[in-house]
């Protein structure tokens, strides 16, 4: 059986890896949909889809996940929720089960007849993209929340400088 997990992964953290590993205990393969793939260079979505694919690939490799057990597919948002499931079905290999903590995503897939499971969240107060980005902006200890390979990608792309620059407010002219 093949499952689908969709998330923004901004950035990929240890909680994501725990969810993926749990899903792989239930299915033969998992499709990881990199959500909102068209969005980047904002404080809430600082990384591009390509950077997120690189983070996921390196993190799964670092954790010994066999590459034949997953697919990583960027998924752009569309402006019509009723067509979103068909949009994903067009982009991905066939899947039988959906994993999502997002109530809208759950509902959309349930309405199309999919079995949907809300994956357990692992230490959600700590392992969340929001917390990672907050720590990045405040010079906190963000690295401990991410796999080492993801930390290396963020340094490679100068991600901390990017998110800090994006967070600066434009100064008005006097």
C-alpha atoms as a PDB file:
ATOM      1  CA  UNK A   1       0.000   0.000   0.000  1.00  0.00           C
ATOM      2  CA  UNK A   2       1.119   3.552  -0.740  1.00  0.00           C
ATOM      3  CA  UNK A   3       0.313   6.514   1.519  1.00  0.00           C
ATOM      4  CA  UNK A   4       0.356  10.273   1.001  1.00  0.00           C
ATOM      5  CA  UNK A   5       1.661  12.885   3.422  1.00  0.00           C
ATOM      6  CA  UNK A   6       1.376  16.557   2.490  1.00  0.00           C
ATOM      7  CA  UNK A   7       3.151  19.324   4.400  1.00  0.00           C
ATOM      8  CA  UNK A   8       4.925  22.603   3.809  1.00  0.00           C
ATOM      9  CA  UNK A   9       8.105  21.402   5.565  1.00  0.00           C
ATOM     10  CA  UNK A  10       9.383  24.927   6.265  1.00  0.00           C
ATOM     11  CA  UNK A  11      11.939  23.572   7.235  1.00  0.00           C
ATOM     12  CA  UNK A  12      12.054  19.800   7.669  1.00  0.00           C
ATOM     13  CA  UNK A  13      12.489  19.048  11.384  1.00  0.00           C
ATOM     14  CA  UNK A  14      12.854  15.982  13.582  1.00  0.00           C
ATOM     15  CA  UNK A  15       9.090  15.808  14.122  1.00  0.00           C
ATOM     16  CA  UNK A  16       8.561  15.415  10.364  1.00  0.00           C
ATOM     17  CA  UNK A  17      11.037  12.531  10.318  1.00  0.00           C
ATOM     18  CA  UNK A  18       9.259  10.781  13.183  1.00  0.00           C
ATOM     19  CA  UNK A  19       5.931  11.099  11.348  1.00  0.00           C
ATOM     20  CA  UNK A  20       7.428   9.758   8.100  1.00  0.00           C
ATOM     21  CA  UNK A  21       9.029   6.828   9.918  1.00  0.00           C
ATOM     22  CA  UNK A  22       5.712   6.030  11.649  1.00  0.00           C
ATOM     23  CA  UNK A  23       3.881   6.148   8.311  1.00  0.00           C
ATOM     24  CA  UNK A  24       6.468   3.803   6.776  1.00  0.00           C
ATOM     25  CA  UNK A  25       5.602   1.278   9.501  1.00  0.00           C
ATOM     26  CA  UNK A  26       2.058   1.218   8.078  1.00  0.00           C
ATOM     27  CA  UNK A  27       2.610   1.445   4.311  1.00  0.00           C
ATOM     28  CA  UNK A  28       5.098   0.096   1.771  1.00  0.00           C
ATOM     29  CA  UNK A  29       5.789   3.523   0.245  1.00  0.00           C
ATOM     30  CA  UNK A  30       5.017   7.112   1.130  1.00  0.00           C
ATOM     31  CA  UNK A  31       4.507  10.033  -1.201  1.00  0.00           C
ATOM     32  CA  UNK A  32       5.712  13.218   0.467  1.00  0.00           C
ATOM     33  CA  UNK A  33       3.879  16.149  -1.071  1.00  0.00           C
ATOM     34  CA  UNK A  34       5.797  19.371  -0.538  1.00  0.00           C
ATOM     35  CA  UNK A  35       2.852  21.705  -0.089  1.00  0.00           C
ATOM     36  CA  UNK A  36       2.625  25.332  -1.189  1.00  0.00           C
ATOM     37  CA  UNK A  37       5.504  24.645  -3.559  1.00  0.00           C
ATOM     38  CA  UNK A  38       5.045  27.989  -5.312  1.00  0.00           C
ATOM     39  CA  UNK A  39       5.679  29.921  -2.091  1.00  0.00           C
ATOM     40  CA  UNK A  40       9.108  30.981  -0.836  1.00  0.00           C
ATOM     41  CA  UNK A  41      11.060  33.961   0.438  1.00  0.00           C
ATOM     42  CA  UNK A  42       8.627  34.950   3.188  1.00  0.00           C
ATOM     43  CA  UNK A  43       9.068  34.619   6.945  1.00  0.00           C
ATOM     44  CA  UNK A  44       6.461  31.836   7.090  1.00  0.00           C
ATOM     45  CA  UNK A  45       7.648  30.112   3.892  1.00  0.00           C
ATOM     46  CA  UNK A  46      11.327  31.027   3.552  1.00  0.00           C
ATOM     47  CA  UNK A  47      12.535  28.032   1.544  1.00  0.00           C
ATOM     48  CA  UNK A  48      11.876  27.120  -2.081  1.00  0.00           C
ATOM     49  CA  UNK A  49      10.308  23.812  -3.093  1.00  0.00           C
ATOM     50  CA  UNK A  50      13.668  22.665  -4.461  1.00  0.00           C
ATOM     51  CA  UNK A  51      15.409  23.498  -1.199  1.00  0.00           C
ATOM     52  CA  UNK A  52      12.737  21.598   0.745  1.00  0.00           C
ATOM     53  CA  UNK A  53      13.080  18.576  -1.554  1.00  0.00           C
ATOM     54  CA  UNK A  54      16.832  18.669  -0.935  1.00  0.00           C
ATOM     55  CA  UNK A  55      16.265  18.903   2.847  1.00  0.00           C
ATOM     56  CA  UNK A  56      13.847  15.952   2.861  1.00  0.00           C
ATOM     57  CA  UNK A  57      16.079  13.796   0.658  1.00  0.00           C
ATOM     58  CA  UNK A  58      19.172  14.443   2.756  1.00  0.00           C
ATOM     59  CA  UNK A  59      17.318  13.975   6.057  1.00  0.00           C
ATOM     60  CA  UNK A  60      15.816  10.657   4.973  1.00  0.00           C
ATOM     61  CA  UNK A  61      19.197   9.477   3.685  1.00  0.00           C
ATOM     62  CA  UNK A  62      20.835  10.553   6.956  1.00  0.00           C
ATOM     63  CA  UNK A  63      18.253   8.485   8.840  1.00  0.00           C
ATOM     64  CA  UNK A  64      18.729   5.394   6.701  1.00  0.00           C
ATOM     65  CA  UNK A  65      15.365   5.447   4.925  1.00  0.00           C
ATOM     66  CA  UNK A  66      15.532   3.395   1.737  1.00  0.00           C
ATOM     67  CA  UNK A  67      14.968   5.710  -1.275  1.00  0.00           C
ATOM     68  CA  UNK A  68      12.765   3.075  -2.914  1.00  0.00           C
ATOM     69  CA  UNK A  69      10.206   3.648  -0.145  1.00  0.00           C
ATOM     70  CA  UNK A  70       9.385   7.299  -0.837  1.00  0.00           C
ATOM     71  CA  UNK A  71       8.616   9.852  -3.528  1.00  0.00           C
ATOM     72  CA  UNK A  72       8.995  13.589  -2.976  1.00  0.00           C
ATOM     73  CA  UNK A  73       6.710  15.708  -5.131  1.00  0.00           C
ATOM     74  CA  UNK A  74       6.302  19.491  -4.984  1.00  0.00           C
ATOM     75  CA  UNK A  75       2.626  20.465  -4.995  1.00  0.00           C
ATOM     76  CA  UNK A  76       1.512  23.981  -5.851  1.00  0.00           C
ATOM     77  CA  UNK A  77      -1.617  25.394  -4.268  1.00  0.00           C
ATOM     78  CA  UNK A  78      -4.616  25.966  -6.491  1.00  0.00           C
ATOM     79  CA  UNK A  79      -7.402  28.441  -5.863  1.00  0.00           C
ATOM     80  CA  UNK A  80     -10.202  25.878  -5.870  1.00  0.00           C
ATOM     81  CA  UNK A  81     -10.389  23.497  -2.910  1.00  0.00           C
ATOM     82  CA  UNK A  82     -12.916  21.228  -4.612  1.00  0.00           C
ATOM     83  CA  UNK A  83     -10.317  20.440  -7.319  1.00  0.00           C
ATOM     84  CA  UNK A  84      -7.283  20.126  -5.043  1.00  0.00           C
ATOM     85  CA  UNK A  85      -7.497  16.342  -4.553  1.00  0.00           C
ATOM     86  CA  UNK A  86      -7.702  15.799  -8.327  1.00  0.00           C
ATOM     87  CA  UNK A  87      -4.706  18.128  -8.680  1.00  0.00           C
ATOM     88  CA  UNK A  88      -2.691  15.927  -6.297  1.00  0.00           C
ATOM     89  CA  UNK A  89      -3.870  12.737  -7.966  1.00  0.00           C
ATOM     90  CA  UNK A  90      -2.575  14.095 -11.283  1.00  0.00           C
ATOM     91  CA  UNK A  91       0.857  14.892  -9.795  1.00  0.00           C
ATOM     92  CA  UNK A  92       1.473  11.737  -7.784  1.00  0.00           C
ATOM     93  CA  UNK A  93       1.608   7.973  -8.144  1.00  0.00           C
ATOM     94  CA  UNK A  94      -1.625   6.300  -7.010  1.00  0.00           C
ATOM     95  CA  UNK A  95      -2.138   6.150  -3.233  1.00  0.00           C
ATOM     96  CA  UNK A  96      -4.669   4.508  -0.972  1.00  0.00           C
ATOM     97  CA  UNK A  97      -4.269   6.288   2.346  1.00  0.00           C
ATOM     98  CA  UNK A  98      -3.767   9.925   3.323  1.00  0.00           C
ATOM     99  CA  UNK A  99      -1.981  11.227   6.402  1.00  0.00           C
ATOM    100  CA  UNK A 100      -2.680  14.805   7.451  1.00  0.00           C
ATOM    101  CA  UNK A 101      -3.161  16.895  10.559  1.00  0.00           C
ATOM    102  CA  UNK A 102      -4.827  19.655   8.557  1.00  0.00           C
ATOM    103  CA  UNK A 103      -8.646  19.615   8.963  1.00  0.00           C
ATOM    104  CA  UNK A 104      -9.244  21.021   5.457  1.00  0.00           C
ATOM    105  CA  UNK A 105      -6.972  18.445   3.829  1.00  0.00           C
ATOM    106  CA  UNK A 106      -8.630  15.687   5.858  1.00  0.00           C
ATOM    107  CA  UNK A 107     -12.085  16.804   4.761  1.00  0.00           C
ATOM    108  CA  UNK A 108     -11.200  17.169   1.075  1.00  0.00           C
ATOM    109  CA  UNK A 109      -9.757  13.659   0.890  1.00  0.00           C
ATOM    110  CA  UNK A 110     -12.579  12.117   2.938  1.00  0.00           C
ATOM    111  CA  UNK A 111     -15.113  13.638   0.546  1.00  0.00           C
ATOM    112  CA  UNK A 112     -13.296  11.853  -2.303  1.00  0.00           C
ATOM    113  CA  UNK A 113     -13.497   8.504  -0.480  1.00  0.00           C
ATOM    114  CA  UNK A 114      -9.962   8.238   0.874  1.00  0.00           C
ATOM    115  CA  UNK A 115      -9.137   6.777   4.250  1.00  0.00           C
ATOM    116  CA  UNK A 116      -7.470   9.564   6.240  1.00  0.00           C
ATOM    117  CA  UNK A 117      -5.366   9.262   9.379  1.00  0.00           C
ATOM    118  CA  UNK A 118      -4.194  12.132  11.537  1.00  0.00           C
ATOM    119  CA  UNK A 119      -0.578  11.249  12.283  1.00  0.00           C
ATOM    120  CA  UNK A 120       0.619  11.616  15.856  1.00  0.00           C
ATOM    121  CA  UNK A 121       2.535  14.814  16.490  1.00  0.00           C
ATOM    122  CA  UNK A 122       5.837  14.402  18.256  1.00  0.00           C
ATOM    123  CA  UNK A 123       6.587  17.084  20.853  1.00  0.00           C
ATOM    124  CA  UNK A 124       4.626  19.610  18.766  1.00  0.00           C
ATOM    125  CA  UNK A 125       5.483  22.649  20.907  1.00  0.00           C
ATOM    126  CA  UNK A 126       9.136  22.101  20.092  1.00  0.00           C
ATOM    127  CA  UNK A 127       9.042  20.322  16.734  1.00  0.00           C
ATOM    128  CA  UNK A 128       7.189  22.770  14.536  1.00  0.00           C
ATOM    129  CA  UNK A 129       8.282  24.883  11.615  1.00  0.00           C
ATOM    130  CA  UNK A 130       6.935  27.940  13.439  1.00  0.00           C
ATOM    131  CA  UNK A 131       9.182  27.250  16.436  1.00  0.00           C
ATOM    132  CA  UNK A 132      12.214  26.577  14.239  1.00  0.00           C
ATOM    133  CA  UNK A 133      11.714  29.849  12.334  1.00  0.00           C
ATOM    134  CA  UNK A 134      11.101  31.763  15.595  1.00  0.00           C
ATOM    135  CA  UNK A 135      14.407  30.498  16.965  1.00  0.00           C
ATOM    136  CA  UNK A 136      16.199  31.344  13.714  1.00  0.00           C
ATOM    137  CA  UNK A 137      14.961  34.923  13.937  1.00  0.00           C
ATOM    138  CA  UNK A 138      15.880  35.309  17.620  1.00  0.00           C
ATOM    139  CA  UNK A 139      19.289  33.609  17.362  1.00  0.00           C
ATOM    140  CA  UNK A 140      17.964  30.748  19.478  1.00  0.00           C
ATOM    141  CA  UNK A 141      19.042  27.108  19.390  1.00  0.00           C
ATOM    142  CA  UNK A 142      17.250  26.069  16.178  1.00  0.00           C
ATOM    143  CA  UNK A 143      19.837  23.542  15.001  1.00  0.00           C
ATOM    144  CA  UNK A 144      18.898  21.021  17.722  1.00  0.00           C
ATOM    145  CA  UNK A 145      15.392  20.723  16.223  1.00  0.00           C
ATOM    146  CA  UNK A 146      16.624  19.626  12.793  1.00  0.00           C
ATOM    147  CA  UNK A 147      18.540  16.704  11.373  1.00  0.00           C
ATOM    148  CA  UNK A 148      22.195  17.621  10.843  1.00  0.00           C
ATOM    149  CA  UNK A 149      21.821  17.330   7.069  1.00  0.00           C
ATOM    150  CA  UNK A 150      19.016  19.938   7.090  1.00  0.00           C
ATOM    151  CA  UNK A 151      21.140  22.289   9.217  1.00  0.00           C
ATOM    152  CA  UNK A 152      23.872  21.912   6.580  1.00  0.00           C
ATOM    153  CA  UNK A 153      21.440  22.744   3.753  1.00  0.00           C
ATOM    154  CA  UNK A 154      20.236  25.855   5.582  1.00  0.00           C
ATOM    155  CA  UNK A 155      23.824  27.005   6.017  1.00  0.00           C
ATOM    156  CA  UNK A 156      24.615  26.175   2.375  1.00  0.00           C
ATOM    157  CA  UNK A 157      21.779  28.370   1.103  1.00  0.00           C
ATOM    158  CA  UNK A 158      22.406  31.101   3.714  1.00  0.00           C
ATOM    159  CA  UNK A 159      18.883  30.519   5.034  1.00  0.00           C
ATOM    160  CA  UNK A 160      19.363  32.362   8.325  1.00  0.00           C
ATOM    161  CA  UNK A 161      20.438  35.526   6.549  1.00  0.00           C
ATOM    162  CA  UNK A 162      17.471  35.146   4.196  1.00  0.00           C
ATOM    163  CA  UNK A 163      14.826  34.771   6.878  1.00  0.00           C
ATOM    164  CA  UNK A 164      16.288  37.627   8.942  1.00  0.00           C
ATOM    165  CA  UNK A 165      16.346  39.949   5.936  1.00  0.00           C
ATOM    166  CA  UNK A 166      12.775  38.999   5.050  1.00  0.00           C
ATOM    167  CA  UNK A 167      11.671  39.738   8.614  1.00  0.00           C
ATOM    168  CA  UNK A 168      13.046  43.286   8.584  1.00  0.00           C
ATOM    169  CA  UNK A 169      10.404  45.945   8.302  1.00  0.00           C
ATOM    170  CA  UNK A 170      10.839  48.514   5.597  1.00  0.00           C
ATOM    171  CA  UNK A 171      11.888  51.794   7.087  1.00  0.00           C
ATOM    172  CA  UNK A 172       9.737  54.656   5.905  1.00  0.00           C
ATOM    173  CA  UNK A 173      11.431  57.673   4.447  1.00  0.00           C
ATOM    174  CA  UNK A 174      11.359  60.812   6.539  1.00  0.00           C
END
